[in-house]
Amino acid sequence: AVGVPDSALAILQRTLQVFERTGN
C-alpha cells in the first residue's frame, strides 16, 4: 500500500515458507 514492493516480496517469501512448513 505504501509503494515498497521489494519489501512486500521479501515478507511474502517468508510468509510462504511458514505456510509450507505448517502444511497450510
PDB file of all heavy atoms in Angstrom:
ATOM      1  N   ALA A   1       0.822  -1.218   0.000  1.00  0.00           N
ATOM      2  CA  ALA A   1       0.000   0.000   0.000  1.00  0.00           C
ATOM      3  C   ALA A   1       0.853   1.264   0.000  1.00  0.00           C
ATOM      4  O   ALA A   1       0.454   2.283  -0.576  1.00  0.00           O
ATOM      5  CB  ALA A   1      -0.935  -0.003   1.205  1.00  0.00           C
ATOM      6  N   VAL A   2       2.025   1.217   0.643  1.00  0.00           N
ATOM      7  CA  VAL A   2       2.864   2.422   0.713  1.00  0.00           C
ATOM      8  C   VAL A   2       3.909   2.452  -0.401  1.00  0.00           C
ATOM      9  O   VAL A   2       4.790   3.312  -0.421  1.00  0.00           O
ATOM     10  CB  VAL A   2       3.550   2.549   2.095  1.00  0.00           C
ATOM     11  CG1 VAL A   2       2.512   2.703   3.188  1.00  0.00           C
ATOM     12  CG2 VAL A   2       4.484   1.376   2.380  1.00  0.00           C
ATOM     13  N   GLY A   3       3.805   1.506  -1.344  1.00  0.00           N
ATOM     14  CA  GLY A   3       4.673   1.541  -2.515  1.00  0.00           C
ATOM     15  C   GLY A   3       6.086   1.061  -2.284  1.00  0.00           C
ATOM     16  O   GLY A   3       7.031   1.622  -2.848  1.00  0.00           O
ATOM     17  N   VAL A   4       6.231   0.011  -1.455  1.00  0.00           N
ATOM     18  CA  VAL A   4       7.555  -0.584  -1.237  1.00  0.00           C
ATOM     19  C   VAL A   4       7.463  -2.068  -1.615  1.00  0.00           C
ATOM     20  O   VAL A   4       7.483  -2.954  -0.754  1.00  0.00           O
ATOM     21  CB  VAL A   4       8.030  -0.420   0.223  1.00  0.00           C
ATOM     22  CG1 VAL A   4       9.507  -0.790   0.356  1.00  0.00           C
ATOM     23  CG2 VAL A   4       7.800   1.004   0.706  1.00  0.00           C
ATOM     24  N   PRO A   5       7.336  -2.367  -2.925  1.00  0.00           N
ATOM     25  CA  PRO A   5       7.076  -3.738  -3.349  1.00  0.00           C
ATOM     26  C   PRO A   5       8.193  -4.727  -3.035  1.00  0.00           C
ATOM     27  O   PRO A   5       7.930  -5.903  -2.790  1.00  0.00           O
ATOM     28  CB  PRO A   5       6.858  -3.615  -4.856  1.00  0.00           C
ATOM     29  CG  PRO A   5       7.542  -2.348  -5.239  1.00  0.00           C
ATOM     30  CD  PRO A   5       7.389  -1.433  -4.066  1.00  0.00           C
ATOM     31  N   ASP A   6       9.452  -4.257  -3.041  1.00  0.00           N
ATOM     32  CA  ASP A   6      10.542  -5.186  -2.750  1.00  0.00           C
ATOM     33  C   ASP A   6      10.456  -5.711  -1.317  1.00  0.00           C
ATOM     34  O   ASP A   6      10.701  -6.894  -1.058  1.00  0.00           O
ATOM     35  CB  ASP A   6      11.894  -4.516  -2.991  1.00  0.00           C
ATOM     36  CG  ASP A   6      12.171  -4.302  -4.474  1.00  0.00           C
ATOM     37  OD1 ASP A   6      11.604  -5.055  -5.295  1.00  0.00           O
ATOM     38  OD2 ASP A   6      12.930  -3.381  -4.810  1.00  0.00           O
ATOM     39  N   SER A   7      10.092  -4.840  -0.389  1.00  0.00           N
ATOM     40  CA  SER A   7       9.907  -5.276   0.997  1.00  0.00           C
ATOM     41  C   SER A   7       8.706  -6.212   1.105  1.00  0.00           C
ATOM     42  O   SER A   7       8.750  -7.207   1.827  1.00  0.00           O
ATOM     43  CB  SER A   7       9.705  -4.071   1.915  1.00  0.00           C
ATOM     44  OG  SER A   7      10.871  -3.276   1.961  1.00  0.00           O
ATOM     45  N   ALA A   8       7.645  -5.892   0.364  1.00  0.00           N
ATOM     46  CA  ALA A   8       6.467  -6.762   0.365  1.00  0.00           C
ATOM     47  C   ALA A   8       6.827  -8.153  -0.145  1.00  0.00           C
ATOM     48  O   ALA A   8       6.403  -9.165   0.425  1.00  0.00           O
ATOM     49  CB  ALA A   8       5.366  -6.150  -0.489  1.00  0.00           C
ATOM     50  N   LEU A   9       7.644  -8.214  -1.210  1.00  0.00           N
ATOM     51  CA  LEU A   9       8.050  -9.507  -1.755  1.00  0.00           C
ATOM     52  C   LEU A   9       8.855 -10.316  -0.751  1.00  0.00           C
ATOM     53  O   LEU A   9       8.645 -11.523  -0.590  1.00  0.00           O
ATOM     54  CB  LEU A   9       8.877  -9.304  -3.030  1.00  0.00           C
ATOM     55  CG  LEU A   9       8.122  -9.110  -4.340  1.00  0.00           C
ATOM     56  CD1 LEU A   9       9.113  -8.869  -5.474  1.00  0.00           C
ATOM     57  CD2 LEU A   9       7.257 -10.325  -4.652  1.00  0.00           C
ATOM     58  N   ALA A  10       9.789  -9.646  -0.084  1.00  0.00           N
ATOM     59  CA  ALA A  10      10.617 -10.349   0.903  1.00  0.00           C
ATOM     60  C   ALA A  10       9.757 -10.923   2.027  1.00  0.00           C
ATOM     61  O   ALA A  10       9.953 -12.068   2.462  1.00  0.00           O
ATOM     62  CB  ALA A  10      11.673  -9.401   1.468  1.00  0.00           C
ATOM     63  N   ILE A  11       8.788 -10.146   2.478  1.00  0.00           N
ATOM     64  CA  ILE A  11       7.900 -10.608   3.560  1.00  0.00           C
ATOM     65  C   ILE A  11       7.023 -11.751   3.067  1.00  0.00           C
ATOM     66  O   ILE A  11       6.790 -12.733   3.783  1.00  0.00           O
ATOM     67  CB  ILE A  11       7.058  -9.437   4.090  1.00  0.00           C
ATOM     68  CG1 ILE A  11       7.964  -8.419   4.790  1.00  0.00           C
ATOM     69  CG2 ILE A  11       5.979  -9.926   5.043  1.00  0.00           C
ATOM     70  CD1 ILE A  11       7.280  -7.116   5.131  1.00  0.00           C
ATOM     71  N   LEU A  12       6.518 -11.646   1.836  1.00  0.00           N
ATOM     72  CA  LEU A  12       5.666 -12.707   1.302  1.00  0.00           C
ATOM     73  C   LEU A  12       6.433 -14.014   1.120  1.00  0.00           C
ATOM     74  O   LEU A  12       5.872 -15.099   1.307  1.00  0.00           O
ATOM     75  CB  LEU A  12       5.049 -12.258  -0.025  1.00  0.00           C
ATOM     76  CG  LEU A  12       3.916 -11.230   0.084  1.00  0.00           C
ATOM     77  CD1 LEU A  12       3.570 -10.664  -1.280  1.00  0.00           C
ATOM     78  CD2 LEU A  12       2.686 -11.862   0.726  1.00  0.00           C
ATOM     79  N   GLN A  13       7.709 -13.921   0.779  1.00  0.00           N
ATOM     80  CA  GLN A  13       8.501 -15.144   0.667  1.00  0.00           C
ATOM     81  C   GLN A  13       8.652 -15.813   2.025  1.00  0.00           C
ATOM     82  O   GLN A  13       8.581 -17.047   2.131  1.00  0.00           O
ATOM     83  CB  GLN A  13       9.886 -14.831   0.074  1.00  0.00           C
ATOM     84  CG  GLN A  13       9.866 -14.415  -1.393  1.00  0.00           C
ATOM     85  CD  GLN A  13       9.510 -15.559  -2.335  1.00  0.00           C
ATOM     86  OE1 GLN A  13       9.383 -16.709  -1.932  1.00  0.00           O
ATOM     87  NE2 GLN A  13       9.330 -15.244  -3.613  1.00  0.00           N
ATOM     88  N   ARG A  14       8.827 -15.029   3.074  1.00  0.00           N
ATOM     89  CA  ARG A  14       8.872 -15.595   4.431  1.00  0.00           C
ATOM     90  C   ARG A  14       7.516 -16.185   4.808  1.00  0.00           C
ATOM     91  O   ARG A  14       7.436 -17.245   5.423  1.00  0.00           O
ATOM     92  CB  ARG A  14       9.273 -14.510   5.437  1.00  0.00           C
ATOM     93  CG  ARG A  14      10.763 -14.172   5.380  1.00  0.00           C
ATOM     94  CD  ARG A  14      11.067 -12.819   5.961  1.00  0.00           C
ATOM     95  NE  ARG A  14      10.649 -12.664   7.350  1.00  0.00           N
ATOM     96  CZ  ARG A  14      10.587 -11.497   7.986  1.00  0.00           C
ATOM     97  NH1 ARG A  14      10.902 -10.378   7.343  1.00  0.00           N
ATOM     98  NH2 ARG A  14      10.209 -11.427   9.243  1.00  0.00           N
ATOM     99  N   THR A  15       6.452 -15.484   4.431  1.00  0.00           N
ATOM    100  CA  THR A  15       5.095 -15.988   4.693  1.00  0.00           C
ATOM    101  C   THR A  15       4.899 -17.346   4.032  1.00  0.00           C
ATOM    102  O   THR A  15       4.367 -18.282   4.653  1.00  0.00           O
ATOM    103  CB  THR A  15       4.046 -15.004   4.133  1.00  0.00           C
ATOM    104  OG1 THR A  15       4.299 -13.701   4.641  1.00  0.00           O
ATOM    105  CG2 THR A  15       2.645 -15.433   4.505  1.00  0.00           C
ATOM    106  N   LEU A  16       5.331 -17.448   2.791  1.00  0.00           N
ATOM    107  CA  LEU A  16       5.196 -18.700   2.044  1.00  0.00           C
ATOM    108  C   LEU A  16       5.934 -19.836   2.735  1.00  0.00           C
ATOM    109  O   LEU A  16       5.406 -20.953   2.857  1.00  0.00           O
ATOM    110  CB  LEU A  16       5.735 -18.495   0.625  1.00  0.00           C
ATOM    111  CG  LEU A  16       5.636 -19.688  -0.330  1.00  0.00           C
ATOM    112  CD1 LEU A  16       4.182 -20.079  -0.559  1.00  0.00           C
ATOM    113  CD2 LEU A  16       6.307 -19.349  -1.662  1.00  0.00           C
ATOM    114  N   GLN A  17       7.131 -19.562   3.209  1.00  0.00           N
ATOM    115  CA  GLN A  17       7.918 -20.596   3.895  1.00  0.00           C
ATOM    116  C   GLN A  17       7.201 -21.114   5.137  1.00  0.00           C
ATOM    117  O   GLN A  17       7.183 -22.317   5.401  1.00  0.00           O
ATOM    118  CB  GLN A  17       9.287 -20.042   4.274  1.00  0.00           C
ATOM    119  CG  GLN A  17      10.201 -19.782   3.081  1.00  0.00           C
ATOM    120  CD  GLN A  17      11.442 -19.001   3.461  1.00  0.00           C
ATOM    121  OE1 GLN A  17      11.667 -18.676   4.625  1.00  0.00           O
ATOM    122  NE2 GLN A  17      12.264 -18.679   2.467  1.00  0.00           N
ATOM    123  N   VAL A  18       6.606 -20.199   5.896  1.00  0.00           N
ATOM    124  CA  VAL A  18       5.913 -20.615   7.127  1.00  0.00           C
ATOM    125  C   VAL A  18       4.674 -21.439   6.795  1.00  0.00           C
ATOM    126  O   VAL A  18       4.427 -22.485   7.411  1.00  0.00           O
ATOM    127  CB  VAL A  18       5.539 -19.395   7.986  1.00  0.00           C
ATOM    128  CG1 VAL A  18       4.775 -19.853   9.239  1.00  0.00           C
ATOM    129  CG2 VAL A  18       6.779 -18.614   8.395  1.00  0.00           C
ATOM    130  N   PHE A  19       3.898 -20.987   5.810  1.00  0.00           N
ATOM    131  CA  PHE A  19       2.708 -21.761   5.431  1.00  0.00           C
ATOM    132  C   PHE A  19       3.089 -23.141   4.906  1.00  0.00           C
ATOM    133  O   PHE A  19       2.405 -24.136   5.178  1.00  0.00           O
ATOM    134  CB  PHE A  19       1.896 -21.013   4.375  1.00  0.00           C
ATOM    135  CG  PHE A  19       0.952 -19.974   4.930  1.00  0.00           C
ATOM    136  CD1 PHE A  19       0.871 -18.710   4.366  1.00  0.00           C
ATOM    137  CD2 PHE A  19       0.138 -20.271   6.019  1.00  0.00           C
ATOM    138  CE1 PHE A  19      -0.006 -17.758   4.874  1.00  0.00           C
ATOM    139  CE2 PHE A  19      -0.741 -19.319   6.539  1.00  0.00           C
ATOM    140  CZ  PHE A  19      -0.807 -18.058   5.969  1.00  0.00           C
ATOM    141  N   GLU A  20       4.203 -23.222   4.170  1.00  0.00           N
ATOM    142  CA  GLU A  20       4.659 -24.523   3.681  1.00  0.00           C
ATOM    143  C   GLU A  20       5.082 -25.423   4.829  1.00  0.00           C
ATOM    144  O   GLU A  20       4.794 -26.629   4.824  1.00  0.00           O
ATOM    145  CB  GLU A  20       5.809 -24.328   2.690  1.00  0.00           C
ATOM    146  CG  GLU A  20       5.364 -23.767   1.342  1.00  0.00           C
ATOM    147  CD  GLU A  20       6.512 -23.446   0.411  1.00  0.00           C
ATOM    148  OE1 GLU A  20       7.652 -23.261   0.902  1.00  0.00           O
ATOM    149  OE2 GLU A  20       6.277 -23.358  -0.813  1.00  0.00           O
ATOM    150  N   ARG A  21       5.740 -24.851   5.827  1.00  0.00           N
ATOM    151  CA  ARG A  21       6.168 -25.642   6.996  1.00  0.00           C
ATOM    152  C   ARG A  21       4.982 -26.219   7.756  1.00  0.00           C
ATOM    153  O   ARG A  21       5.047 -27.323   8.288  1.00  0.00           O
ATOM    154  CB  ARG A  21       6.997 -24.780   7.951  1.00  0.00           C
ATOM    155  CG  ARG A  21       8.439 -24.561   7.521  1.00  0.00           C
ATOM    156  CD  ARG A  21       9.108 -23.551   8.423  1.00  0.00           C
ATOM    157  NE  ARG A  21       9.094 -23.947   9.828  1.00  0.00           N
ATOM    158  CZ  ARG A  21       9.372 -23.122  10.838  1.00  0.00           C
ATOM    159  NH1 ARG A  21       9.643 -21.848  10.596  1.00  0.00           N
ATOM    160  NH2 ARG A  21       9.355 -23.561  12.075  1.00  0.00           N
ATOM    161  N   THR A  22       3.897 -25.470   7.803  1.00  0.00           N
ATOM    162  CA  THR A  22       2.724 -25.921   8.562  1.00  0.00           C
ATOM    163  C   THR A  22       1.760 -26.747   7.728  1.00  0.00           C
ATOM    164  O   THR A  22       0.757 -27.231   8.240  1.00  0.00           O
ATOM    165  CB  THR A  22       1.971 -24.710   9.140  1.00  0.00           C
ATOM    166  OG1 THR A  22       1.523 -23.870   8.080  1.00  0.00           O
ATOM    167  CG2 THR A  22       2.856 -23.909  10.083  1.00  0.00           C
ATOM    168  N   GLY A  23       2.040 -26.886   6.429  1.00  0.00           N
ATOM    169  CA  GLY A  23       1.157 -27.661   5.569  1.00  0.00           C
ATOM    170  C   GLY A  23      -0.171 -26.986   5.297  1.00  0.00           C
ATOM    171  O   GLY A  23      -1.171 -27.655   5.003  1.00  0.00           O
ATOM    172  N   ASN A  24      -0.189 -25.660   5.369  1.00  0.00           N
ATOM    173  CA  ASN A  24      -1.429 -24.905   5.139  1.00  0.00           C
ATOM    174  C   ASN A  24      -1.556 -24.607   3.647  1.00  0.00           C
ATOM    175  O   ASN A  24      -1.061 -23.593   3.141  1.00  0.00           O
ATOM    176  CB  ASN A  24      -1.388 -23.608   5.955  1.00  0.00           C
ATOM    177  CG  ASN A  24      -2.674 -22.811   5.880  1.00  0.00           C
ATOM    178  OD1 ASN A  24      -3.412 -22.906   4.902  1.00  0.00           O
ATOM    179  ND2 ASN A  24      -2.954 -22.031   6.898  1.00  0.00           N
TER     180      ASN A  24
END
